[in-house]
Amino acid sequence: MDEGKDPGLLFVYGTLKRGFPNPWSRRLWAHAAFLGEASMPGRLVDLGAYPALLEPVSPGDFVHGEVAALRDASLLGALDLYEGPQYKRIVRRVRMYDGSEREAWVYLFRASPGRARIIPGGRWPVK
């Protein structure tokens, strides 16, 4: 992980978002405050039950999600285990919907997505 960096914020774009019937989502939001919706450069791919964040390939590639202000930074270690070795927690700049920018942790997929479908518009779940 990007040791030495601790923005205290986490950008989530999949099953960790508020309201998902995922025990880890409930655990996260029990120890975090909703700061707002945001976007960041990247692409989402559909892995079936959850999405994965990939690096952007063009200037128009954006992912939409939520920013959690963590009350307990030790939760990140547990989330690292939940996300598993195929994800790497890194610090990235996110743009809040009010136009401000923040530094936040985000989980980047580092395994091969194979033939996973790109999610147009970078929003999950797809409606």
Protein backbone atom coordinates (compact mmCIF):
# COMPACT_ATOMS: atom_id res chain seq x y z
CA MET A 1 0.00 0.00 0.00
CA ASP A 2 1.10 3.62 -0.33
CA GLU A 3 2.62 3.75 3.14
CA GLY A 4 3.18 7.19 4.56
CA LYS A 5 0.04 8.52 2.89
CA ASP A 6 -3.11 8.67 4.97
CA PRO A 7 -5.77 10.95 3.56
CA GLY A 8 -8.42 9.53 5.89
CA LEU A 9 -10.80 9.21 2.93
CA LEU A 10 -11.83 6.18 0.91
CA PHE A 11 -13.42 6.30 -2.56
CA VAL A 12 -15.76 3.33 -3.13
CA TYR A 13 -17.38 2.42 -6.44
CA GLY A 14 -18.87 -1.06 -5.98
CA THR A 15 -20.22 -3.31 -3.26
CA LEU A 16 -18.77 -1.09 -0.52
CA LYS A 17 -21.11 1.77 -1.42
CA ARG A 18 -23.85 2.69 1.04
CA GLY A 19 -26.96 0.57 1.06
CA PHE A 20 -25.48 -2.62 -0.37
CA PRO A 21 -26.37 -5.84 1.47
CA ASN A 22 -22.68 -6.56 1.95
CA PRO A 23 -21.46 -7.02 5.55
CA TRP A 24 -18.26 -5.14 4.67
CA SER A 25 -20.29 -2.19 3.38
CA ARG A 26 -22.22 -2.11 6.66
CA ARG A 27 -18.96 -2.34 8.62
CA LEU A 28 -17.35 0.47 6.60
CA TRP A 29 -20.29 2.86 7.00
CA ALA A 30 -20.57 2.08 10.72
CA HIS A 31 -17.06 3.56 11.03
CA ALA A 32 -17.23 6.32 8.41
CA ALA A 33 -19.21 9.39 7.47
CA PHE A 34 -20.58 9.92 3.96
CA LEU A 35 -18.65 12.88 2.54
CA GLY A 36 -20.42 12.90 -0.82
CA GLU A 37 -20.47 11.53 -4.32
CA ALA A 38 -17.38 11.91 -6.46
CA SER A 39 -15.65 10.79 -9.64
CA MET A 40 -12.11 9.97 -10.65
CA PRO A 41 -10.23 8.98 -13.80
CA GLY A 42 -10.57 5.28 -14.50
CA ARG A 43 -12.63 2.53 -16.12
CA LEU A 44 -14.97 0.04 -14.50
CA VAL A 45 -15.30 -3.52 -15.70
CA ASP A 46 -18.11 -5.89 -14.79
CA LEU A 47 -16.82 -9.02 -13.02
CA GLY A 48 -20.31 -10.33 -12.36
CA ALA A 49 -21.15 -9.81 -8.70
CA TYR A 50 -18.92 -6.73 -8.43
CA PRO A 51 -16.99 -4.25 -10.56
CA ALA A 52 -13.26 -3.62 -10.81
CA LEU A 53 -11.48 -0.31 -11.29
CA LEU A 54 -8.84 -0.11 -14.01
CA GLU A 55 -6.54 2.71 -15.04
CA PRO A 56 -8.02 5.15 -17.58
CA VAL A 57 -6.97 4.84 -21.22
CA SER A 58 -8.48 8.07 -22.53
CA PRO A 59 -9.25 11.50 -21.03
CA GLY A 60 -12.99 10.73 -20.97
CA ASP A 61 -12.66 7.64 -18.75
CA PHE A 62 -14.27 8.34 -15.36
CA VAL A 63 -15.62 6.22 -12.52
CA HIS A 64 -18.36 7.45 -10.19
CA GLY A 65 -18.63 6.53 -6.54
CA GLU A 66 -18.86 7.71 -2.95
CA VAL A 67 -16.31 9.12 -0.53
CA ALA A 68 -16.18 7.86 3.04
CA ALA A 69 -14.46 9.91 5.76
CA LEU A 70 -12.97 7.21 7.96
CA ARG A 71 -13.32 7.54 11.73
CA ASP A 72 -11.06 4.53 12.25
CA ALA A 73 -8.14 4.20 9.83
CA SER A 74 -7.39 0.69 11.15
CA LEU A 75 -10.42 -0.47 9.16
CA LEU A 76 -8.29 -0.14 6.00
CA GLY A 77 -6.23 -3.20 6.96
CA ALA A 78 -9.38 -5.30 7.27
CA LEU A 79 -10.69 -3.95 3.95
CA ASP A 80 -7.36 -4.85 2.32
CA LEU A 81 -7.94 -8.47 3.36
CA TYR A 82 -11.54 -8.35 2.11
CA GLU A 83 -10.50 -6.94 -1.28
CA GLY A 84 -7.76 -9.54 -1.61
CA PRO A 85 -4.46 -9.61 -3.50
CA GLN A 86 -6.04 -8.79 -6.86
CA TYR A 87 -6.67 -5.22 -5.63
CA LYS A 88 -4.10 -2.64 -4.59
CA ARG A 89 -5.03 0.28 -2.32
CA ILE A 90 -3.56 3.50 -3.69
CA VAL A 91 -4.08 7.23 -3.18
CA ARG A 92 -5.76 9.12 -6.01
CA ARG A 93 -7.29 12.53 -6.49
CA VAL A 94 -11.08 12.47 -6.64
CA ARG A 95 -13.42 15.26 -7.68
CA MET A 96 -16.38 15.77 -5.40
CA TYR A 97 -19.65 16.65 -7.10
CA ASP A 98 -19.40 20.14 -5.58
CA GLY A 99 -16.23 20.67 -7.67
CA SER A 100 -13.68 20.38 -4.86
CA GLU A 101 -10.86 17.86 -5.10
CA ARG A 102 -9.60 15.52 -2.39
CA GLU A 103 -7.02 12.79 -1.99
CA ALA A 104 -8.56 9.43 -1.15
CA TRP A 105 -7.64 5.78 -0.95
CA VAL A 106 -9.12 3.64 -3.72
CA TYR A 107 -8.85 -0.03 -4.64
CA LEU A 108 -7.35 -0.53 -8.12
CA PHE A 109 -7.73 -3.93 -9.80
CA ARG A 110 -4.30 -5.25 -10.67
CA ALA A 111 -5.19 -8.68 -12.05
CA SER A 112 -6.10 -9.21 -15.66
CA PRO A 113 -9.78 -8.44 -16.27
CA GLY A 114 -9.80 -11.05 -19.05
CA ARG A 115 -12.83 -10.50 -21.26
CA ALA A 116 -14.73 -8.52 -18.64
CA ARG A 117 -17.10 -5.98 -20.16
CA ILE A 118 -16.32 -2.28 -19.69
CA ILE A 119 -19.16 -0.55 -17.83
CA PRO A 120 -20.17 2.45 -19.99
CA GLY A 121 -20.37 5.67 -17.98
CA GLY A 122 -18.33 4.23 -15.08
CA ARG A 123 -21.33 3.73 -12.78
CA TRP A 124 -22.16 0.52 -10.91
CA PRO A 125 -24.61 -1.05 -10.57
CA VAL A 126 -25.65 -0.52 -14.16
CA LYS A 127 -29.30 0.54 -14.29
